[in-house]
């Protein structure tokens, strides 16, 4: 799979996280100012009880929305779409897309059958859709809803050339390390706050007889996430932005420093489940499950990845919050990193119904429905934290919202697909090679720069 966003990761091994909550949703009503009718008042209905957004009557309209989501994630999203139908009368069909979704959409558009709306996982994909003249700008109602509910940073990553095209409906907090609580207790290990603390914790776990880390090297994309967290914390947000745009080269000393830091864990064979070779054969779902299977003697004590790892923990007997716990990615530099990913709703066929659907997806109403069903995180700041079904998810959601505009979007998701999002190519392959030989920092930098220069140069 090419994509490196939260969705692909969630969709790779989705199982039910918990019994779905039944019954009506008690959504927080907002002030009367938020309940204004739309400018086309004749076709608008006043907000219903428990609604925060006014939607037009769309009886007889039909829409298609495409996303790569499968399993429980797709089922949960369909409940959101069902609520939109209930409120507007419009029929919405979910179109399962293949990865990479930009290629899937290309074939649909070439065949004259584009979906009305698509969920795009990367700022780079939104940009491509605009450049190819597929994407349509958001109308005033959707923009108004977005401005009301999202921090400026989340609005900006859905813009191209200053125009709003995307609504980030789903987010991922990708600055988390999950751990086996029994192993930590046996080792007398504590949740680390800094990188130095993490190395101390890793040694304590190792001394207790358990391998510290599971690394999902077979997929490539988790390796880029490891790098991004270290780089953001160590080099700082400005350098992060410059590297993301290839304004500085991968041969820069800041990249050398981050790779050298990364090698403090990747370079210790005994710290990785199966050593470097084993890590390179471990796919993401297995990297999570092997951390929580095996009682207090699992294959590893910790696994790095985003909030979506909960889906895979759900495949084990481990209970989130007691057996499976989480701590923020430790500070490598002066502050801890907050790296995020997400999926944005983008309109491909402009219509009143498509605009209304995206307006709904920008509202707290839509996100609150899916938040209650679990395995989901919204960047919408007006979704009640209490909507999330457990304390761990509430903590993760709080951290994301509290970061305001200080988060940074996944770097490889901002890159051209050829560099940041293709198996066996570009950054994925170069970091797999580095995991195989973590001593060769200069060689890794040279490969990364060569591949980045080719991809950014062609814009592919």
Protein backbone atom coordinates (compact mmCIF):
# COMPACT_ATOMS: atom_id res chain seq x y z
CA UNK A 1 0.00 0.00 0.00
CA UNK A 2 1.37 3.35 -0.91
CA UNK A 3 -0.37 5.62 1.46
CA UNK A 4 1.00 6.67 4.75
CA UNK A 5 -1.92 8.42 6.37
CA UNK A 6 -3.97 7.33 9.31
CA UNK A 7 -6.54 5.75 7.08
CA UNK A 8 -4.39 3.20 5.35
CA UNK A 9 -2.97 2.17 8.64
CA UNK A 10 -6.35 1.82 10.21
CA UNK A 11 -7.76 0.02 7.21
CA UNK A 12 -4.97 -2.54 7.05
CA UNK A 13 -6.22 -4.56 9.99
CA UNK A 14 -9.48 -3.20 11.19
CA UNK A 15 -11.54 -5.12 13.69
CA UNK A 16 -14.29 -3.96 15.99
CA UNK A 17 -12.80 -1.93 18.80
CA UNK A 18 -15.84 -2.20 21.03
CA UNK A 19 -19.59 -2.65 20.81
CA UNK A 20 -21.02 0.25 18.87
CA UNK A 21 -22.93 2.74 20.95
CA UNK A 22 -26.63 2.61 20.22
CA UNK A 23 -29.33 5.20 20.58
CA UNK A 24 -29.62 8.84 19.76
CA UNK A 25 -26.57 11.07 20.10
CA UNK A 26 -26.88 13.94 22.52
CA UNK A 27 -24.87 16.48 20.57
CA UNK A 28 -24.05 19.76 22.22
CA UNK A 29 -26.22 22.48 20.76
CA UNK A 30 -24.39 25.68 20.05
CA UNK A 31 -25.52 29.26 20.33
CA UNK A 32 -28.35 30.67 18.25
CA UNK A 33 -25.76 32.53 16.19
CA UNK A 34 -24.56 29.18 14.87
CA UNK A 35 -28.03 28.17 13.85
CA UNK A 36 -28.54 30.80 11.20
CA UNK A 37 -30.22 29.60 8.06
CA UNK A 38 -28.15 29.39 4.93
CA UNK A 39 -28.20 32.25 2.47
CA UNK A 40 -30.58 30.27 0.25
CA UNK A 41 -33.10 30.36 3.09
CA UNK A 42 -36.00 28.77 1.16
CA UNK A 43 -34.20 25.44 0.90
CA UNK A 44 -32.71 25.47 4.37
CA UNK A 45 -34.14 23.98 7.49
CA UNK A 46 -33.55 25.36 10.96
CA UNK A 47 -31.19 23.30 13.07
CA UNK A 48 -32.88 20.41 14.81
CA UNK A 49 -32.49 19.61 18.48
CA UNK A 50 -28.91 18.56 19.08
CA UNK A 51 -27.68 20.04 15.80
CA UNK A 52 -25.05 22.73 15.38
CA UNK A 53 -25.27 23.16 11.61
CA UNK A 54 -28.14 24.09 9.31
CA UNK A 55 -28.45 21.93 6.17
CA UNK A 56 -30.65 22.31 3.07
CA UNK A 57 -33.44 19.91 2.12
CA UNK A 58 -32.02 17.75 -0.69
CA UNK A 59 -34.81 15.22 -1.37
CA UNK A 60 -34.11 13.40 -4.63
CA UNK A 61 -30.39 14.27 -4.66
CA UNK A 62 -27.84 11.46 -4.75
CA UNK A 63 -24.13 11.61 -4.00
CA UNK A 64 -21.06 9.40 -4.08
CA UNK A 65 -18.16 9.74 -1.64
CA UNK A 66 -14.93 7.79 -2.16
CA UNK A 67 -12.40 6.74 0.49
CA UNK A 68 -10.01 3.84 1.05
CA UNK A 69 -11.57 3.00 4.40
CA UNK A 70 -12.58 -0.61 4.99
CA UNK A 71 -13.97 -2.77 7.79
CA UNK A 72 -15.14 -1.10 10.99
CA UNK A 73 -13.85 2.30 9.92
CA UNK A 74 -16.04 2.22 6.80
CA UNK A 75 -19.07 0.99 8.81
CA UNK A 76 -18.66 3.80 11.32
CA UNK A 77 -18.36 6.44 8.60
CA UNK A 78 -21.54 5.09 6.97
CA UNK A 79 -23.38 5.94 10.21
CA UNK A 80 -22.24 9.55 9.73
CA UNK A 81 -23.51 9.49 6.15
CA UNK A 82 -26.83 8.01 7.33
CA UNK A 83 -27.29 11.01 9.64
CA UNK A 84 -26.67 13.36 6.71
CA UNK A 85 -29.37 11.50 4.74
CA UNK A 86 -31.75 11.71 7.69
CA UNK A 87 -31.32 15.45 7.93
CA UNK A 88 -31.34 16.33 4.21
CA UNK A 89 -33.06 13.50 2.33
CA UNK A 90 -30.03 13.08 0.02
CA UNK A 91 -28.93 9.52 -0.74
CA UNK A 92 -25.19 9.00 -0.21
CA UNK A 93 -23.28 6.01 -1.60
CA UNK A 94 -19.87 5.08 -0.20
CA UNK A 95 -17.42 4.13 -2.98
CA UNK A 96 -14.54 1.94 -1.77
CA UNK A 97 -11.35 3.31 -3.35
CA UNK A 98 -8.05 1.61 -4.01
CA UNK A 99 -4.67 2.95 -3.05
CA UNK A 100 -3.15 5.25 -4.17
CA UNK A 101 -6.49 7.08 -4.25
CA UNK A 102 -5.22 9.76 -6.64
CA UNK A 103 -4.67 7.02 -9.28
CA UNK A 104 -8.08 5.49 -8.50
CA UNK A 105 -9.73 8.89 -8.99
CA UNK A 106 -7.80 9.45 -12.21
CA UNK A 107 -9.32 6.33 -13.73
CA UNK A 108 -12.82 7.30 -12.52
CA UNK A 109 -12.47 10.80 -13.98
CA UNK A 110 -11.09 9.42 -17.27
CA UNK A 111 -14.18 7.19 -17.45
CA UNK A 112 -16.44 10.18 -16.84
CA UNK A 113 -17.63 8.90 -13.46
CA UNK A 114 -15.91 10.84 -10.69
CA UNK A 115 -17.39 10.59 -7.20
CA UNK A 116 -18.89 13.85 -5.90
CA UNK A 117 -16.55 13.95 -2.91
CA UNK A 118 -13.29 12.12 -2.13
CA UNK A 119 -11.34 11.74 1.11
CA UNK A 120 -7.72 12.60 0.27
CA UNK A 121 -4.97 11.61 2.69
CA UNK A 122 -2.23 14.08 1.87
CA UNK A 123 -1.78 17.80 1.23
CA UNK A 124 0.24 16.65 -1.79
CA UNK A 125 -2.80 14.75 -3.13
CA UNK A 126 -5.05 17.82 -2.68
CA UNK A 127 -2.51 19.89 -4.60
CA UNK A 128 -2.41 17.30 -7.39
CA UNK A 129 -6.22 17.26 -7.61
CA UNK A 130 -6.24 21.09 -7.91
CA UNK A 131 -3.44 21.14 -10.49
CA UNK A 132 -5.33 18.57 -12.59
CA UNK A 133 -8.46 20.74 -12.28
CA UNK A 134 -10.38 17.94 -10.52
CA UNK A 135 -10.99 19.69 -7.19
CA UNK A 136 -13.61 22.41 -6.70
CA UNK A 137 -13.25 25.18 -4.09
CA UNK A 138 -15.41 25.04 -0.97
CA UNK A 139 -18.44 27.32 -0.91
CA UNK A 140 -19.11 29.98 1.75
CA UNK A 141 -21.14 27.68 4.05
CA UNK A 142 -18.42 25.02 4.23
CA UNK A 143 -15.73 27.68 4.73
CA UNK A 144 -17.80 29.31 7.51
CA UNK A 145 -18.19 25.95 9.28
CA UNK A 146 -14.47 25.25 8.90
CA UNK A 147 -13.45 28.62 10.32
CA UNK A 148 -15.76 28.13 13.30
CA UNK A 149 -14.48 24.66 14.22
CA UNK A 150 -10.82 24.37 13.15
CA UNK A 151 -7.57 26.01 14.15
CA UNK A 152 -5.86 28.05 11.45
CA UNK A 153 -3.24 25.34 10.92
CA UNK A 154 -5.85 22.73 10.00
CA UNK A 155 -7.57 25.20 7.67
CA UNK A 156 -4.29 26.08 5.96
CA UNK A 157 -3.28 22.52 5.06
CA UNK A 158 -6.55 22.20 3.13
CA UNK A 159 -5.71 25.28 1.02
CA UNK A 160 -3.97 25.51 -2.35
CA UNK A 161 -2.80 28.94 -3.51
CA UNK A 162 -4.80 30.55 -0.71
CA UNK A 163 -8.10 28.90 -1.72
CA UNK A 164 -9.90 26.41 0.54
CA UNK A 165 -10.34 22.98 -1.07
CA UNK A 166 -10.19 20.50 1.79
CA UNK A 167 -11.90 19.83 5.12
CA UNK A 168 -9.77 17.62 7.38
CA UNK A 169 -12.45 15.32 8.72
CA UNK A 170 -10.10 12.76 10.26
CA UNK A 171 -6.77 13.24 12.00
CA UNK A 172 -4.05 11.14 13.53
CA UNK A 173 -1.85 12.02 16.49
CA UNK A 174 1.38 10.37 15.37
CA UNK A 175 3.54 11.31 18.33
CA UNK A 176 2.76 8.38 20.61
CA UNK A 177 4.55 5.32 21.98
CA UNK A 178 2.38 2.43 23.18
CA UNK A 179 3.72 0.08 25.84
CA UNK A 180 2.96 -3.17 27.62
CA UNK A 181 2.15 -2.08 31.20
CA UNK A 182 3.05 -5.48 32.74
CA UNK A 183 6.53 -5.38 31.20
CA UNK A 184 7.12 -1.83 32.46
CA UNK A 185 5.95 -2.81 35.97
CA UNK A 186 8.24 -5.86 36.05
CA UNK A 187 11.19 -3.79 34.82
CA UNK A 188 10.49 -0.87 37.18
CA UNK A 189 10.45 1.30 34.05
CA UNK A 190 8.87 4.74 33.94
CA UNK A 191 7.18 6.67 31.15
CA UNK A 192 10.02 8.76 29.65
CA UNK A 193 9.74 12.50 29.02
CA UNK A 194 12.98 12.96 27.05
CA UNK A 195 14.95 10.93 24.50
CA UNK A 196 17.64 10.32 27.14
CA UNK A 197 14.91 8.96 29.45
CA UNK A 198 13.67 6.73 26.61
CA UNK A 199 17.13 5.18 26.27
CA UNK A 200 17.22 4.60 30.06
CA UNK A 201 13.73 3.02 29.96
CA UNK A 202 14.75 0.84 27.00
CA UNK A 203 17.78 -0.43 28.91
CA UNK A 204 15.68 -1.21 32.00
CA UNK A 205 13.23 -3.18 29.87
CA UNK A 206 16.09 -5.02 28.13
CA UNK A 207 17.70 -5.86 31.49
CA UNK A 208 14.37 -7.36 32.63
CA UNK A 209 14.52 -9.85 29.74
CA UNK A 210 12.18 -8.26 27.18
CA UNK A 211 13.20 -6.67 23.86
CA UNK A 212 12.39 -2.95 24.06
CA UNK A 213 10.96 -2.17 20.61
CA UNK A 214 8.87 -3.51 17.79
CA UNK A 215 9.64 -1.62 14.55
CA UNK A 216 7.43 -2.07 11.48
CA UNK A 217 10.17 -1.96 8.86
CA UNK A 218 8.36 -4.01 6.21
CA UNK A 219 5.94 -1.19 5.44
CA UNK A 220 8.35 1.73 5.15
CA UNK A 221 5.91 4.43 6.25
CA UNK A 222 6.35 3.91 10.04
CA UNK A 223 10.08 4.51 9.53
CA UNK A 224 9.40 7.96 8.08
CA UNK A 225 7.23 8.72 11.13
CA UNK A 226 10.06 7.79 13.49
CA UNK A 227 12.38 10.16 11.63
CA UNK A 228 9.83 13.01 11.53
CA UNK A 229 9.24 13.03 15.29
CA UNK A 230 12.95 13.13 16.04
CA UNK A 231 13.61 15.75 13.38
CA UNK A 232 10.76 18.06 14.44
CA UNK A 233 11.78 17.98 18.10
CA UNK A 234 15.51 18.24 17.46
CA UNK A 235 15.78 20.58 14.46
CA UNK A 236 12.63 22.62 15.22
CA UNK A 237 9.52 23.60 13.24
CA UNK A 238 11.25 25.99 10.81
CA UNK A 239 13.80 23.42 9.62
CA UNK A 240 11.01 20.82 9.48
CA UNK A 241 9.03 23.05 7.11
CA UNK A 242 12.11 23.72 4.98
CA UNK A 243 12.95 20.02 4.65
CA UNK A 244 9.28 19.20 3.93
CA UNK A 245 9.39 21.63 1.00
CA UNK A 246 12.91 20.52 -0.01
CA UNK A 247 14.19 24.05 0.60
CA UNK A 248 17.11 22.46 2.43
CA UNK A 249 18.81 19.26 1.29
CA UNK A 250 18.72 15.89 2.96
CA UNK A 251 22.51 16.19 3.20
CA UNK A 252 21.97 19.05 5.71
CA UNK A 253 23.72 18.57 9.12
CA UNK A 254 20.29 18.61 10.84
CA UNK A 255 19.34 15.41 8.97
CA UNK A 256 22.67 13.83 9.95
CA UNK A 257 21.93 14.64 13.60
CA UNK A 258 18.43 13.13 13.44
CA UNK A 259 19.59 9.92 11.73
CA UNK A 260 22.44 9.59 14.24
CA UNK A 261 19.91 9.94 17.08
CA UNK A 262 17.61 7.38 15.44
CA UNK A 263 20.51 4.95 15.19
CA UNK A 264 20.76 4.97 19.01
CA UNK A 265 17.74 2.66 18.90
CA UNK A 266 17.73 1.25 15.35
CA UNK A 267 21.45 0.47 15.60
CA UNK A 268 21.06 -1.78 18.66
CA UNK A 269 20.13 -5.20 17.38
CA UNK A 270 19.06 -6.34 20.85
CA UNK A 271 16.66 -3.41 21.15
CA UNK A 272 14.60 -4.50 18.12
CA UNK A 273 12.27 -7.52 18.02
CA UNK A 274 14.00 -9.89 15.58
CA UNK A 275 16.92 -7.49 15.18
CA UNK A 276 17.19 -5.29 12.08
CA UNK A 277 16.36 -8.18 9.74
CA UNK A 278 13.32 -9.16 11.79
CA UNK A 279 12.11 -5.56 11.86
CA UNK A 280 12.38 -5.36 8.07
CA UNK A 281 10.02 -8.35 7.82
CA UNK A 282 7.49 -6.99 10.33
CA UNK A 283 4.38 -5.29 8.99
CA UNK A 284 2.62 -2.65 11.06
CA UNK A 285 -0.30 -4.74 12.42
CA UNK A 286 2.12 -7.43 13.67
CA UNK A 287 4.41 -4.80 15.22
CA UNK A 288 1.49 -3.79 17.45
CA UNK A 289 -0.02 -7.19 18.25
CA UNK A 290 3.34 -8.78 19.16
CA UNK A 291 3.81 -6.04 21.78
CA UNK A 292 0.57 -7.01 23.53
CA UNK A 293 0.40 -10.76 22.97
CA UNK A 294 2.34 -13.08 25.27
CA UNK A 295 1.42 -11.70 28.70
CA UNK A 296 4.41 -10.23 30.48
CA UNK A 297 6.81 -11.93 28.03
CA UNK A 298 5.82 -10.42 24.67
CA UNK A 299 8.19 -10.08 21.70
CA UNK A 300 8.60 -6.39 22.54
CA UNK A 301 7.68 -3.92 25.26
CA UNK A 302 6.98 -0.82 23.15
CA UNK A 303 5.73 0.10 19.70
CA UNK A 304 5.80 3.57 18.18
CA UNK A 305 2.82 4.79 16.14
CA UNK A 306 -0.27 6.95 16.14
CA UNK A 307 -3.62 6.73 17.89
CA UNK A 308 -4.84 4.30 15.19
CA UNK A 309 -2.69 1.56 16.81
CA UNK A 310 -5.71 1.09 19.10
CA UNK A 311 -7.42 -0.79 16.28
CA UNK A 312 -4.64 -3.39 16.25
CA UNK A 313 -4.42 -3.54 20.05
CA UNK A 314 -8.13 -4.43 19.84
CA UNK A 315 -7.10 -7.70 18.16
CA UNK A 316 -5.30 -8.78 21.33
CA UNK A 317 -6.60 -9.47 24.83
CA UNK A 318 -4.86 -6.33 26.12
CA UNK A 319 -7.15 -3.70 27.57
CA UNK A 320 -6.38 -0.14 26.54
CA UNK A 321 -5.68 1.98 29.61
CA UNK A 322 -4.66 -0.94 31.84
CA UNK A 323 -2.60 -3.53 29.86
CA UNK A 324 -1.84 -1.21 26.94
CA UNK A 325 -0.77 2.29 27.88
CA UNK A 326 0.64 5.22 25.93
CA UNK A 327 3.00 8.16 26.40
CA UNK A 328 3.80 11.10 24.11
CA UNK A 329 6.87 10.77 21.88
CA UNK A 330 9.66 12.08 24.13
CA UNK A 331 11.33 15.44 23.60
CA UNK A 332 14.56 15.03 21.66
CA UNK A 333 15.20 18.78 21.60
CA UNK A 334 13.66 21.54 23.68
CA UNK A 335 10.05 20.38 23.29
CA UNK A 336 8.15 17.19 22.50
CA UNK A 337 6.97 16.84 18.89
CA UNK A 338 3.36 16.79 17.68
CA UNK A 339 3.22 15.21 14.22
CA UNK A 340 -0.16 14.72 12.66
CA UNK A 341 -1.76 13.16 9.61
CA UNK A 342 -5.27 13.10 8.30
CA UNK A 343 -7.87 12.77 5.57
CA UNK A 344 -9.60 15.71 3.91
CA UNK A 345 -12.97 15.83 2.17
CA UNK A 346 -12.53 17.38 -1.29
CA UNK A 347 -15.32 18.14 -3.79
CA UNK A 348 -14.82 16.77 -7.32
CA UNK A 349 -18.35 17.42 -8.67
CA UNK A 350 -19.69 20.73 -7.50
CA UNK A 351 -23.34 20.82 -6.48
CA UNK A 352 -25.53 22.07 -3.68
CA UNK A 353 -25.63 18.53 -2.25
CA UNK A 354 -21.82 18.07 -2.40
CA UNK A 355 -21.27 21.42 -0.69
CA UNK A 356 -23.82 20.49 1.99
CA UNK A 357 -22.10 17.15 2.65
CA UNK A 358 -18.70 18.78 3.10
CA UNK A 359 -20.29 21.47 5.31
CA UNK A 360 -21.73 18.66 7.46
CA UNK A 361 -18.33 16.92 7.63
CA UNK A 362 -16.81 20.21 8.85
CA UNK A 363 -19.33 20.37 11.71
CA UNK A 364 -18.98 18.94 15.23
CA UNK A 365 -22.18 16.93 14.55
CA UNK A 366 -20.56 14.58 12.01
CA UNK A 367 -17.29 14.13 13.91
CA UNK A 368 -19.04 13.52 17.25
CA UNK A 369 -20.98 10.59 15.78
CA UNK A 370 -17.77 8.86 14.67
CA UNK A 371 -15.81 9.85 17.78
CA UNK A 372 -18.34 7.96 19.94
CA UNK A 373 -17.83 4.81 17.84
CA UNK A 374 -14.08 4.64 18.60
CA UNK A 375 -10.90 4.30 16.53
CA UNK A 376 -11.22 7.86 15.25
CA UNK A 377 -9.73 11.27 16.01
CA UNK A 378 -11.01 14.64 14.81
CA UNK A 379 -9.11 17.92 14.46
CA UNK A 380 -12.45 19.71 15.00
CA UNK A 381 -11.94 21.67 18.24
CA UNK A 382 -15.68 21.79 19.00
CA UNK A 383 -16.11 18.01 19.28
CA UNK A 384 -16.62 17.36 23.02
CA UNK A 385 -13.67 15.45 24.50
CA UNK A 386 -16.29 13.39 26.39
CA UNK A 387 -17.48 12.01 23.02
CA UNK A 388 -14.40 9.75 22.86
CA UNK A 389 -15.17 6.35 24.39
CA UNK A 390 -12.20 5.87 26.73
CA UNK A 391 -9.69 7.84 28.79
CA UNK A 392 -6.79 7.04 26.45
CA UNK A 393 -8.59 8.35 23.38
CA UNK A 394 -9.70 11.41 25.33
CA UNK A 395 -6.07 12.09 26.33
CA UNK A 396 -4.92 11.77 22.69
CA UNK A 397 -7.71 14.02 21.40
CA UNK A 398 -6.94 16.63 24.07
CA UNK A 399 -3.25 16.65 23.12
CA UNK A 400 -4.06 17.17 19.44
CA UNK A 401 -6.49 20.03 20.06
CA UNK A 402 -4.20 21.61 22.70
CA UNK A 403 -1.35 21.78 20.16
CA UNK A 404 -3.38 24.44 18.26
CA UNK A 405 -1.24 25.53 15.32
CA UNK A 406 2.00 24.13 16.78
CA UNK A 407 1.56 20.66 15.27
CA UNK A 408 3.25 19.77 11.99
CA UNK A 409 1.65 17.63 9.30
CA UNK A 410 3.37 14.38 8.38
CA UNK A 411 6.40 15.37 6.26
CA UNK A 412 6.31 12.49 3.81
CA UNK A 413 2.59 13.11 3.20
CA UNK A 414 3.56 16.63 2.07
CA UNK A 415 6.15 15.26 -0.37
CA UNK A 416 5.54 14.21 -3.97
CA UNK A 417 4.17 10.66 -4.04
CA UNK A 418 7.30 9.30 -5.76
CA UNK A 419 9.40 10.32 -2.75
CA UNK A 420 7.12 10.15 0.28
CA UNK A 421 4.44 7.60 -0.55
CA UNK A 422 5.53 4.68 -2.72
CA UNK A 423 6.58 1.20 -1.52
CA UNK A 424 10.09 0.22 -2.56
CA UNK A 425 10.94 3.77 -3.64
CA UNK A 426 12.16 7.09 -2.30
CA UNK A 427 12.12 7.81 1.40
CA UNK A 428 10.42 4.53 2.36
CA UNK A 429 13.14 2.44 0.68
CA UNK A 430 15.99 4.70 1.80
CA UNK A 431 14.96 4.45 5.46
CA UNK A 432 14.52 0.67 5.14
CA UNK A 433 18.11 0.55 3.86
CA UNK A 434 19.16 2.73 6.81
CA UNK A 435 17.40 0.39 9.25
CA UNK A 436 19.38 -2.46 7.68
CA UNK A 437 22.64 -0.52 8.18
CA UNK A 438 22.19 2.30 10.74
CA UNK A 439 25.93 3.06 10.75
CA UNK A 440 25.81 4.47 7.22
CA UNK A 441 24.36 7.90 7.99
CA UNK A 442 26.16 9.65 5.11
CA UNK A 443 25.06 6.97 2.62
CA UNK A 444 21.45 7.28 3.76
CA UNK A 445 21.59 11.07 3.41
CA UNK A 446 23.02 10.86 -0.11
CA UNK A 447 20.28 8.41 -1.23
CA UNK A 448 17.52 10.51 0.36
CA UNK A 449 18.79 13.67 -1.34
CA UNK A 450 19.12 11.99 -4.75
CA UNK A 451 15.57 10.62 -4.58
CA UNK A 452 14.11 13.85 -3.17
CA UNK A 453 15.75 15.99 -5.85
CA UNK A 454 14.32 13.74 -8.59
CA UNK A 455 10.80 13.69 -7.13
CA UNK A 456 10.52 17.37 -6.21
CA UNK A 457 12.10 18.35 -9.52
CA UNK A 458 9.44 16.47 -11.50
CA UNK A 459 6.68 17.31 -8.99
CA UNK A 460 5.47 13.72 -9.25
